[in-house]
Amino acid sequence: MFPRIFVSPLEHTSRAPRAGEEDGVTYNFTQKSDIEGGISRREYIHYRQEKNSYFGLKIGTIDQIRKAGKIALIDLDMKDVALVKESMMVVKLIFVAPPSLPALDLRLKSLAIEPLPKIQARMITAKLELDAAHADEHIDKIVTNDNVEQCCNRIVYQLDGWYPDFNFHENDNEVEEGDA
């Protein structure tokens, strides 16, 4: 949605490429020591370690997107929010919330793509993240995903208020104020 406005930036990783993955397309593959050095120099807007590999998004990557006149669209966990704010980058954070925890639980179970223990673990994480989002003064907007199209319209309406120069309505999906 809105490819003339948004870019989904590539993370750097110290993990080895898997079959079919390409450097600069799937991830920016690099050495673990390079990422560790970048972390110590505060070059990452956020990072995480999974098993023995690092994953992270460089501030320079976001700067390149901004210089191109676009907005970086980043999917974050609540634990990443503090790192993003510590990076001192000016950002806007939108938390997309489920209509309710019982509705999320029902949806996950009805999809039947994960075993029950995994769904239970996801529900614990969802509760913690939802509580954290409501308590975190860094979250600029919480949008409830009770209907995907309406949720997207609410987000676009909010972004239009923050970034009026981007003209979200030009040649893209129209959003009316009543939908927001």
N, C-alpha and C. Protein backbone atom coordinates (compact mmCIF):
# COMPACT_ATOMS: atom_id res chain seq x y z
N MET A 1 0.84 -1.18 0.00
CA MET A 1 0.00 0.00 0.00
C MET A 1 0.88 1.24 0.00
N PHE A 2 0.63 2.17 -0.88
CA PHE A 2 1.35 3.43 -0.99
C PHE A 2 2.85 3.24 -1.24
N PRO A 3 3.23 2.52 -2.29
CA PRO A 3 4.66 2.30 -2.54
C PRO A 3 5.42 3.58 -2.88
N ARG A 4 4.73 4.61 -3.32
CA ARG A 4 5.42 5.87 -3.60
C ARG A 4 5.77 6.61 -2.32
N ILE A 5 5.22 6.16 -1.19
CA ILE A 5 5.46 6.84 0.08
C ILE A 5 6.29 5.98 1.04
N PHE A 6 5.94 4.70 1.16
CA PHE A 6 6.55 3.84 2.16
C PHE A 6 7.61 2.91 1.59
N VAL A 7 8.62 2.65 2.40
CA VAL A 7 9.64 1.66 2.09
C VAL A 7 9.81 0.79 3.33
N SER A 8 9.88 -0.51 3.12
CA SER A 8 10.16 -1.43 4.22
C SER A 8 11.66 -1.70 4.20
N PRO A 9 12.40 -1.12 5.14
CA PRO A 9 13.86 -1.22 5.09
C PRO A 9 14.36 -2.63 5.41
N LEU A 10 15.50 -2.97 4.83
CA LEU A 10 16.11 -4.27 5.09
C LEU A 10 16.95 -4.23 6.35
N GLU A 11 16.80 -5.25 7.16
CA GLU A 11 17.64 -5.39 8.35
C GLU A 11 18.98 -6.00 7.97
N HIS A 12 19.95 -5.76 8.81
CA HIS A 12 21.23 -6.45 8.72
C HIS A 12 21.14 -7.69 9.59
N THR A 13 21.85 -8.73 9.21
CA THR A 13 21.90 -9.93 10.03
C THR A 13 23.26 -10.60 9.93
N SER A 14 23.64 -11.24 11.02
CA SER A 14 24.88 -12.01 11.03
C SER A 14 24.60 -13.48 10.70
N ARG A 15 23.32 -13.81 10.51
CA ARG A 15 22.95 -15.18 10.16
C ARG A 15 23.39 -15.46 8.72
N ALA A 16 23.74 -16.69 8.45
CA ALA A 16 24.10 -17.10 7.09
C ALA A 16 22.84 -17.12 6.23
N PRO A 17 22.97 -16.77 4.96
CA PRO A 17 21.80 -16.82 4.07
C PRO A 17 21.25 -18.24 3.93
N ARG A 18 19.93 -18.33 3.89
CA ARG A 18 19.27 -19.61 3.64
C ARG A 18 19.07 -19.76 2.13
N ALA A 19 18.67 -20.94 1.72
CA ALA A 19 18.43 -21.20 0.30
C ALA A 19 17.43 -20.18 -0.26
N GLY A 20 17.80 -19.55 -1.35
CA GLY A 20 16.92 -18.59 -2.00
C GLY A 20 17.05 -17.16 -1.51
N GLU A 21 17.74 -16.95 -0.40
CA GLU A 21 17.93 -15.59 0.12
C GLU A 21 19.10 -14.92 -0.57
N GLU A 22 18.95 -13.62 -0.82
CA GLU A 22 20.00 -12.85 -1.49
C GLU A 22 20.39 -11.66 -0.64
N ASP A 23 21.68 -11.39 -0.61
CA ASP A 23 22.18 -10.22 0.10
C ASP A 23 21.62 -8.96 -0.56
N GLY A 24 21.09 -8.06 0.25
CA GLY A 24 20.53 -6.82 -0.25
C GLY A 24 19.10 -6.95 -0.75
N VAL A 25 18.56 -8.16 -0.71
CA VAL A 25 17.17 -8.38 -1.13
C VAL A 25 16.36 -8.88 0.05
N THR A 26 16.84 -9.95 0.70
CA THR A 26 16.15 -10.52 1.86
C THR A 26 16.62 -9.84 3.14
N TYR A 27 17.92 -9.76 3.30
CA TYR A 27 18.60 -9.09 4.40
C TYR A 27 19.89 -8.50 3.84
N ASN A 28 20.52 -7.65 4.64
CA ASN A 28 21.90 -7.26 4.39
C ASN A 28 22.74 -8.19 5.27
N PHE A 29 23.36 -9.19 4.65
CA PHE A 29 24.13 -10.17 5.40
C PHE A 29 25.51 -9.60 5.71
N THR A 30 25.93 -9.76 6.95
CA THR A 30 27.21 -9.21 7.39
C THR A 30 27.79 -10.08 8.49
N GLN A 31 28.96 -9.74 8.94
CA GLN A 31 29.62 -10.49 10.00
C GLN A 31 29.09 -10.08 11.38
N LYS A 32 29.10 -11.03 12.30
CA LYS A 32 28.65 -10.77 13.66
C LYS A 32 29.46 -9.63 14.29
N SER A 33 30.77 -9.62 14.07
CA SER A 33 31.62 -8.57 14.64
C SER A 33 31.27 -7.18 14.09
N ASP A 34 30.83 -7.12 12.82
CA ASP A 34 30.42 -5.83 12.24
C ASP A 34 29.16 -5.30 12.94
N ILE A 35 28.22 -6.18 13.21
CA ILE A 35 26.99 -5.76 13.90
C ILE A 35 27.31 -5.37 15.34
N GLU A 36 28.11 -6.17 16.02
CA GLU A 36 28.48 -5.84 17.41
C GLU A 36 29.18 -4.49 17.48
N GLY A 37 30.07 -4.21 16.52
CA GLY A 37 30.74 -2.90 16.48
C GLY A 37 29.74 -1.78 16.23
N GLY A 38 28.80 -2.02 15.32
CA GLY A 38 27.77 -1.03 15.03
C GLY A 38 26.87 -0.76 16.23
N ILE A 39 26.58 -1.80 16.99
CA ILE A 39 25.78 -1.63 18.20
C ILE A 39 26.54 -0.77 19.21
N SER A 40 27.82 -1.04 19.39
CA SER A 40 28.60 -0.25 20.35
C SER A 40 28.75 1.20 19.90
N ARG A 41 28.72 1.44 18.58
CA ARG A 41 28.79 2.81 18.05
C ARG A 41 27.41 3.45 17.93
N ARG A 42 26.36 2.74 18.38
CA ARG A 42 24.98 3.22 18.36
C ARG A 42 24.50 3.52 16.93
N GLU A 43 24.84 2.63 16.01
CA GLU A 43 24.46 2.78 14.60
C GLU A 43 23.12 2.13 14.28
N TYR A 44 22.51 1.45 15.25
CA TYR A 44 21.28 0.71 14.99
C TYR A 44 20.10 1.38 15.69
N ILE A 45 18.99 1.51 14.96
CA ILE A 45 17.77 2.04 15.55
C ILE A 45 17.15 0.98 16.46
N HIS A 46 17.33 -0.29 16.11
CA HIS A 46 16.97 -1.39 17.00
C HIS A 46 17.73 -2.63 16.55
N TYR A 47 17.87 -3.56 17.47
CA TYR A 47 18.55 -4.83 17.17
C TYR A 47 18.06 -5.88 18.16
N ARG A 48 18.29 -7.13 17.79
CA ARG A 48 17.96 -8.24 18.67
C ARG A 48 18.91 -9.39 18.36
N GLN A 49 19.06 -10.26 19.33
CA GLN A 49 19.87 -11.45 19.13
C GLN A 49 18.97 -12.66 19.26
N GLU A 50 19.00 -13.51 18.25
CA GLU A 50 18.24 -14.76 18.25
C GLU A 50 19.23 -15.89 18.05
N LYS A 51 19.23 -16.79 19.03
CA LYS A 51 20.21 -17.87 19.06
C LYS A 51 21.59 -17.23 19.04
N ASN A 52 22.39 -17.46 18.02
CA ASN A 52 23.74 -16.90 17.98
C ASN A 52 23.89 -15.84 16.88
N SER A 53 22.76 -15.33 16.38
CA SER A 53 22.79 -14.36 15.28
C SER A 53 22.14 -13.05 15.69
N TYR A 54 22.64 -11.98 15.13
CA TYR A 54 22.06 -10.65 15.33
C TYR A 54 21.18 -10.28 14.14
N PHE A 55 20.15 -9.49 14.44
CA PHE A 55 19.30 -8.87 13.44
C PHE A 55 19.14 -7.42 13.88
N GLY A 56 19.24 -6.49 12.95
CA GLY A 56 19.09 -5.10 13.35
C GLY A 56 18.90 -4.18 12.17
N LEU A 57 18.37 -3.01 12.48
CA LEU A 57 18.10 -2.00 11.46
C LEU A 57 18.99 -0.80 11.72
N LYS A 58 19.81 -0.46 10.73
CA LYS A 58 20.75 0.64 10.89
C LYS A 58 20.06 2.00 10.71
N ILE A 59 20.49 2.93 11.52
CA ILE A 59 20.00 4.31 11.42
C ILE A 59 20.30 4.86 10.03
N GLY A 60 21.46 4.52 9.48
CA GLY A 60 21.83 4.99 8.14
C GLY A 60 20.84 4.53 7.07
N THR A 61 20.28 3.35 7.24
CA THR A 61 19.27 2.84 6.29
C THR A 61 18.04 3.72 6.32
N ILE A 62 17.61 4.09 7.52
CA ILE A 62 16.44 4.97 7.66
C ILE A 62 16.75 6.35 7.08
N ASP A 63 17.96 6.85 7.33
CA ASP A 63 18.36 8.15 6.77
C ASP A 63 18.31 8.15 5.25
N GLN A 64 18.75 7.07 4.61
CA GLN A 64 18.71 6.97 3.15
C GLN A 64 17.27 7.02 2.64
N ILE A 65 16.37 6.35 3.34
CA ILE A 65 14.96 6.35 2.94
C ILE A 65 14.40 7.76 3.06
N ARG A 66 14.71 8.43 4.15
CA ARG A 66 14.22 9.80 4.35
C ARG A 66 14.78 10.75 3.29
N LYS A 67 16.05 10.60 2.96
CA LYS A 67 16.67 11.45 1.93
C LYS A 67 16.02 11.24 0.57
N ALA A 68 15.46 10.03 0.35
CA ALA A 68 14.75 9.74 -0.89
C ALA A 68 13.32 10.28 -0.85
N GLY A 69 12.94 10.94 0.26
CA GLY A 69 11.61 11.53 0.37
C GLY A 69 10.52 10.53 0.70
N LYS A 70 10.89 9.44 1.35
CA LYS A 70 9.90 8.42 1.70
C LYS A 70 9.88 8.18 3.20
N ILE A 71 8.94 7.37 3.64
CA ILE A 71 8.79 7.02 5.05
C ILE A 71 9.14 5.54 5.22
N ALA A 72 9.98 5.26 6.20
CA ALA A 72 10.33 3.87 6.52
C ALA A 72 9.21 3.27 7.36
N LEU A 73 8.71 2.13 6.94
CA LEU A 73 7.66 1.42 7.64
C LEU A 73 8.29 0.22 8.32
N ILE A 74 8.30 0.21 9.66
CA ILE A 74 9.02 -0.79 10.43
C ILE A 74 8.05 -1.52 11.37
N ASP A 75 8.14 -2.83 11.39
CA ASP A 75 7.35 -3.66 12.30
C ASP A 75 8.19 -3.91 13.54
N LEU A 76 7.74 -3.40 14.69
CA LEU A 76 8.50 -3.50 15.93
C LEU A 76 7.73 -4.27 16.99
N ASP A 77 8.46 -4.91 17.88
CA ASP A 77 7.90 -5.43 19.12
C ASP A 77 7.99 -4.30 20.13
N MET A 78 7.19 -4.37 21.18
CA MET A 78 7.24 -3.32 22.21
C MET A 78 8.62 -3.23 22.85
N LYS A 79 9.33 -4.34 22.93
CA LYS A 79 10.66 -4.28 23.54
C LYS A 79 11.62 -3.46 22.68
N ASP A 80 11.33 -3.31 21.39
CA ASP A 80 12.16 -2.50 20.50
C ASP A 80 11.88 -1.00 20.64
N VAL A 81 10.72 -0.65 21.17
CA VAL A 81 10.33 0.76 21.26
C VAL A 81 11.35 1.58 22.05
N ALA A 82 11.81 1.05 23.17
CA ALA A 82 12.81 1.79 23.98
C ALA A 82 14.09 2.00 23.19
N LEU A 83 14.53 0.98 22.45
CA LEU A 83 15.74 1.14 21.63
C LEU A 83 15.54 2.19 20.56
N VAL A 84 14.37 2.19 19.94
CA VAL A 84 14.09 3.18 18.90
C VAL A 84 14.14 4.59 19.49
N LYS A 85 13.53 4.78 20.64
CA LYS A 85 13.53 6.10 21.27
C LYS A 85 14.94 6.49 21.72
N GLU A 86 15.74 5.52 22.19
CA GLU A 86 17.12 5.80 22.59
C GLU A 86 17.97 6.24 21.41
N SER A 87 17.58 5.82 20.20
CA SER A 87 18.36 6.17 19.01
C SER A 87 18.29 7.66 18.71
N MET A 88 17.37 8.36 19.35
CA MET A 88 17.18 9.80 19.18
C MET A 88 16.62 10.18 17.81
N MET A 89 16.19 9.20 17.03
CA MET A 89 15.55 9.51 15.75
C MET A 89 14.14 10.01 16.04
N VAL A 90 13.70 10.95 15.23
CA VAL A 90 12.33 11.44 15.34
C VAL A 90 11.45 10.44 14.60
N VAL A 91 10.58 9.78 15.35
CA VAL A 91 9.72 8.75 14.77
C VAL A 91 8.29 8.93 15.27
N LYS A 92 7.37 8.33 14.56
CA LYS A 92 5.99 8.22 15.00
C LYS A 92 5.70 6.74 15.14
N LEU A 93 5.12 6.36 16.27
CA LEU A 93 4.86 4.96 16.55
C LEU A 93 3.36 4.70 16.65
N ILE A 94 2.90 3.76 15.84
CA ILE A 94 1.51 3.33 15.86
C ILE A 94 1.48 1.88 16.33
N PHE A 95 0.67 1.61 17.34
CA PHE A 95 0.48 0.25 17.82
C PHE A 95 -0.85 -0.25 17.27
N VAL A 96 -0.82 -1.37 16.55
CA VAL A 96 -2.05 -1.96 16.03
C VAL A 96 -2.49 -3.03 17.03
N ALA A 97 -3.63 -2.78 17.64
CA ALA A 97 -4.14 -3.64 18.72
C ALA A 97 -5.27 -4.54 18.22
N PRO A 98 -5.40 -5.71 18.83
CA PRO A 98 -6.56 -6.56 18.50
C PRO A 98 -7.82 -5.93 19.11
N PRO A 99 -9.00 -6.30 18.60
CA PRO A 99 -10.23 -5.76 19.17
C PRO A 99 -10.36 -6.10 20.65
N SER A 100 -9.87 -7.28 21.03
CA SER A 100 -9.82 -7.72 22.43
C SER A 100 -8.93 -8.95 22.47
N LEU A 101 -8.47 -9.29 23.64
CA LEU A 101 -7.66 -10.51 23.76
C LEU A 101 -8.48 -11.77 23.48
N PRO A 102 -9.73 -11.86 23.97
CA PRO A 102 -10.53 -13.04 23.61
C PRO A 102 -10.77 -13.16 22.10
N ALA A 103 -10.96 -12.03 21.42
CA ALA A 103 -11.16 -12.07 19.96
C ALA A 103 -9.89 -12.54 19.26
N LEU A 104 -8.72 -12.10 19.75
CA LEU A 104 -7.46 -12.56 19.17
C LEU A 104 -7.28 -14.05 19.40
N ASP A 105 -7.56 -14.52 20.61
CA ASP A 105 -7.44 -15.93 20.93
C ASP A 105 -8.34 -16.77 20.02
N LEU A 106 -9.57 -16.34 19.84
CA LEU A 106 -10.51 -17.05 18.97
C LEU A 106 -10.00 -17.08 17.53
N ARG A 107 -9.47 -15.95 17.06
CA ARG A 107 -8.97 -15.88 15.68
C ARG A 107 -7.80 -16.83 15.49
N LEU A 108 -6.85 -16.82 16.42
CA LEU A 108 -5.68 -17.69 16.30
C LEU A 108 -6.09 -19.16 16.32
N LYS A 109 -7.03 -19.50 17.18
CA LYS A 109 -7.48 -20.90 17.26
C LYS A 109 -8.27 -21.30 16.02
N SER A 110 -9.05 -20.38 15.47
CA SER A 110 -9.84 -20.70 14.29
C SER A 110 -8.98 -20.86 13.04
N LEU A 111 -7.82 -20.21 13.01
CA LEU A 111 -6.91 -20.38 11.87
C LEU A 111 -6.32 -21.79 11.84
N ALA A 112 -6.16 -22.38 13.02
CA ALA A 112 -5.67 -23.76 13.17
C ALA A 112 -4.35 -23.99 12.44
N ILE A 113 -3.44 -23.01 12.50
CA ILE A 113 -2.14 -23.19 11.85
C ILE A 113 -1.01 -23.38 12.86
N GLU A 114 -1.33 -23.22 14.15
CA GLU A 114 -0.33 -23.39 15.18
C GLU A 114 -0.87 -24.28 16.28
N PRO A 115 0.01 -25.03 16.92
CA PRO A 115 -0.46 -25.87 18.04
C PRO A 115 -0.87 -25.00 19.23
N LEU A 116 -1.72 -25.54 20.07
CA LEU A 116 -2.26 -24.81 21.21
C LEU A 116 -1.18 -24.20 22.11
N PRO A 117 -0.09 -24.90 22.44
CA PRO A 117 0.93 -24.27 23.29
C PRO A 117 1.53 -23.02 22.66
N LYS A 118 1.69 -23.03 21.36
CA LYS A 118 2.24 -21.85 20.68
C LYS A 118 1.22 -20.70 20.73
N ILE A 119 -0.05 -21.00 20.54
CA ILE A 119 -1.10 -19.98 20.65
C ILE A 119 -1.13 -19.40 22.06
N GLN A 120 -1.02 -20.26 23.05
CA GLN A 120 -1.02 -19.79 24.45
C GLN A 120 0.17 -18.87 24.70
N ALA A 121 1.32 -19.22 24.17
CA ALA A 121 2.51 -18.36 24.33
C ALA A 121 2.30 -17.02 23.61
N ARG A 122 1.71 -17.06 22.43
CA ARG A 122 1.43 -15.82 21.69
C ARG A 122 0.44 -14.94 22.45
N MET A 123 -0.52 -15.56 23.11
CA MET A 123 -1.50 -14.79 23.87
C MET A 123 -0.86 -14.10 25.08
N ILE A 124 0.08 -14.77 25.72
CA ILE A 124 0.80 -14.16 26.84
C ILE A 124 1.57 -12.94 26.33
N THR A 125 2.27 -13.12 25.20
CA THR A 125 3.02 -12.01 24.60
C THR A 125 2.08 -10.88 24.20
N ALA A 126 0.95 -11.22 23.60
CA ALA A 126 -0.01 -10.19 23.17
C ALA A 126 -0.51 -9.37 24.36
N LYS A 127 -0.81 -10.02 25.47
CA LYS A 127 -1.27 -9.30 26.66
C LYS A 127 -0.18 -8.36 27.18
N LEU A 128 1.05 -8.86 27.26
CA LEU A 128 2.16 -8.03 27.72
C LEU A 128 2.38 -6.83 26.79
N GLU A 129 2.32 -7.08 25.48
CA GLU A 129 2.53 -5.99 24.52
C GLU A 129 1.40 -4.97 24.57
N LEU A 130 0.17 -5.45 24.69
CA LEU A 130 -0.97 -4.55 24.76
C LEU A 130 -0.90 -3.68 26.02
N ASP A 131 -0.59 -4.30 27.14
CA ASP A 131 -0.44 -3.54 28.39
C ASP A 131 0.69 -2.52 28.26
N ALA A 132 1.80 -2.94 27.67
CA ALA A 132 2.95 -2.03 27.51
C ALA A 132 2.61 -0.87 26.58
N ALA A 133 1.87 -1.15 25.52
CA ALA A 133 1.50 -0.08 24.57
C ALA A 133 0.63 0.97 25.25
N HIS A 134 -0.32 0.51 26.08
CA HIS A 134 -1.19 1.46 26.77
C HIS A 134 -0.45 2.25 27.84
N ALA A 135 0.63 1.69 28.37
CA ALA A 135 1.39 2.37 29.43
C ALA A 135 2.54 3.21 28.88
N ASP A 136 2.90 3.02 27.62
CA ASP A 136 4.09 3.66 27.07
C ASP A 136 3.75 5.02 26.46
N GLU A 137 4.36 6.06 27.02
CA GLU A 137 4.11 7.41 26.50
C GLU A 137 4.75 7.63 25.13
N HIS A 138 5.58 6.68 24.67
CA HIS A 138 6.23 6.83 23.36
C HIS A 138 5.32 6.40 22.21
N ILE A 139 4.27 5.67 22.51
CA ILE A 139 3.34 5.26 21.46
C ILE A 139 2.48 6.47 21.11
N ASP A 140 2.53 6.87 19.84
CA ASP A 140 1.82 8.07 19.40
C ASP A 140 0.35 7.81 19.11
N LYS A 141 0.02 6.58 18.72
CA LYS A 141 -1.37 6.27 18.38
C LYS A 141 -1.59 4.76 18.52
N ILE A 142 -2.71 4.39 19.11
CA ILE A 142 -3.13 2.99 19.16
C ILE A 142 -4.35 2.86 18.25
N VAL A 143 -4.27 1.94 17.29
CA VAL A 143 -5.35 1.71 16.34
C VAL A 143 -5.83 0.28 16.52
N THR A 144 -7.13 0.10 16.69
CA THR A 144 -7.70 -1.23 16.87
C THR A 144 -7.99 -1.86 15.52
N ASN A 145 -7.52 -3.09 15.36
CA ASN A 145 -7.73 -3.84 14.12
C ASN A 145 -8.97 -4.72 14.27
N ASP A 146 -10.13 -4.08 14.25
CA ASP A 146 -11.38 -4.82 14.31
C ASP A 146 -11.86 -5.21 12.92
N ASN A 147 -11.34 -4.54 11.91
CA ASN A 147 -11.62 -4.80 10.51
C ASN A 147 -10.41 -4.28 9.75
N VAL A 148 -9.77 -5.13 8.94
CA VAL A 148 -8.50 -4.77 8.32
C VAL A 148 -8.62 -3.49 7.48
N GLU A 149 -9.62 -3.41 6.65
CA GLU A 149 -9.76 -2.23 5.79
C GLU A 149 -9.97 -0.96 6.62
N GLN A 150 -10.85 -1.03 7.62
CA GLN A 150 -11.08 0.14 8.47
C GLN A 150 -9.84 0.50 9.27
N CYS A 151 -9.11 -0.50 9.73
CA CYS A 151 -7.88 -0.25 10.48
C CYS A 151 -6.87 0.48 9.58
N CYS A 152 -6.70 -0.01 8.36
CA CYS A 152 -5.79 0.65 7.42
C CYS A 152 -6.24 2.08 7.16
N ASN A 153 -7.53 2.29 7.00
CA ASN A 153 -8.04 3.64 6.77
C ASN A 153 -7.73 4.56 7.95
N ARG A 154 -7.88 4.05 9.17
CA ARG A 154 -7.57 4.85 10.36
C ARG A 154 -6.08 5.22 10.40
N ILE A 155 -5.25 4.27 10.05
CA ILE A 155 -3.80 4.52 10.04
C ILE A 155 -3.46 5.57 8.99
N VAL A 156 -4.00 5.41 7.79
CA VAL A 156 -3.72 6.37 6.71
C VAL A 156 -4.22 7.76 7.10
N TYR A 157 -5.39 7.83 7.70
CA TYR A 157 -5.93 9.13 8.13
C TYR A 157 -4.99 9.77 9.15
N GLN A 158 -4.48 8.98 10.10
CA GLN A 158 -3.54 9.51 11.09
C GLN A 158 -2.24 9.96 10.42
N LEU A 159 -1.71 9.15 9.52
CA LEU A 159 -0.47 9.51 8.82
C LEU A 159 -0.66 10.77 7.99
N ASP A 160 -1.83 10.91 7.39
CA ASP A 160 -2.13 12.12 6.61
C ASP A 160 -2.06 13.36 7.50
N GLY A 161 -2.50 13.23 8.75
CA GLY A 161 -2.40 14.34 9.69
C GLY A 161 -0.97 14.65 10.08
N TRP A 162 -0.14 13.61 10.25
CA TRP A 162 1.25 13.82 10.63
C TRP A 162 2.11 14.28 9.45
N TYR A 163 1.80 13.77 8.26
CA TYR A 163 2.63 14.02 7.08
C TYR A 163 1.77 14.53 5.91
N PRO A 164 1.20 15.72 6.04
CA PRO A 164 0.29 16.21 4.99
C PRO A 164 0.97 16.41 3.64
N ASP A 165 2.27 16.63 3.62
CA ASP A 165 2.98 16.85 2.36
C ASP A 165 3.03 15.61 1.48
N PHE A 166 2.77 14.44 2.05
CA PHE A 166 2.84 13.21 1.27
C PHE A 166 1.58 12.98 0.44
N ASN A 167 0.49 13.70 0.73
CA ASN A 167 -0.74 13.58 -0.06
C ASN A 167 -1.12 12.11 -0.29
N PHE A 168 -1.54 11.46 0.77
CA PHE A 168 -1.87 10.05 0.72
C PHE A 168 -3.01 9.71 -0.23
N HIS A 169 -3.77 10.70 -0.63
CA HIS A 169 -4.95 10.43 -1.45
C HIS A 169 -4.66 10.48 -2.95
N GLU A 170 -3.49 10.93 -3.33
CA GLU A 170 -3.15 11.07 -4.74
C GLU A 170 -2.84 9.70 -5.36
N ASN A 171 -3.70 9.23 -6.25
CA ASN A 171 -3.51 7.98 -6.99
C ASN A 171 -3.37 6.74 -6.09
N ASP A 172 -3.85 6.81 -4.90
CA ASP A 172 -3.83 5.65 -4.01
C ASP A 172 -5.22 5.46 -3.44
N ASN A 173 -5.38 4.50 -2.55
CA ASN A 173 -6.69 4.25 -1.92
C ASN A 173 -7.17 5.49 -1.21
N GLU A 174 -8.41 5.84 -1.42
CA GLU A 174 -8.99 7.01 -0.77
C GLU A 174 -9.38 6.66 0.65
N VAL A 175 -9.20 7.61 1.51
CA VAL A 175 -9.59 7.46 2.90
C VAL A 175 -10.48 8.63 3.25
N GLU A 176 -11.64 8.34 3.75
CA GLU A 176 -12.53 9.41 4.15
C GLU A 176 -12.47 9.57 5.66
N GLU A 177 -12.66 10.79 6.12
CA GLU A 177 -12.56 11.08 7.55
C GLU A 177 -13.49 10.21 8.36
N GLY A 178 -14.65 9.88 7.85
CA GLY A 178 -15.61 9.06 8.59
C GLY A 178 -15.11 7.65 8.84
N ASP A 179 -14.17 7.17 8.03
CA ASP A 179 -13.61 5.84 8.21
C ASP A 179 -12.53 5.83 9.29
N ALA A 180 -12.05 7.00 9.65
CA ALA A 180 -10.90 7.05 10.55
C ALA A 180 -11.30 7.10 12.00
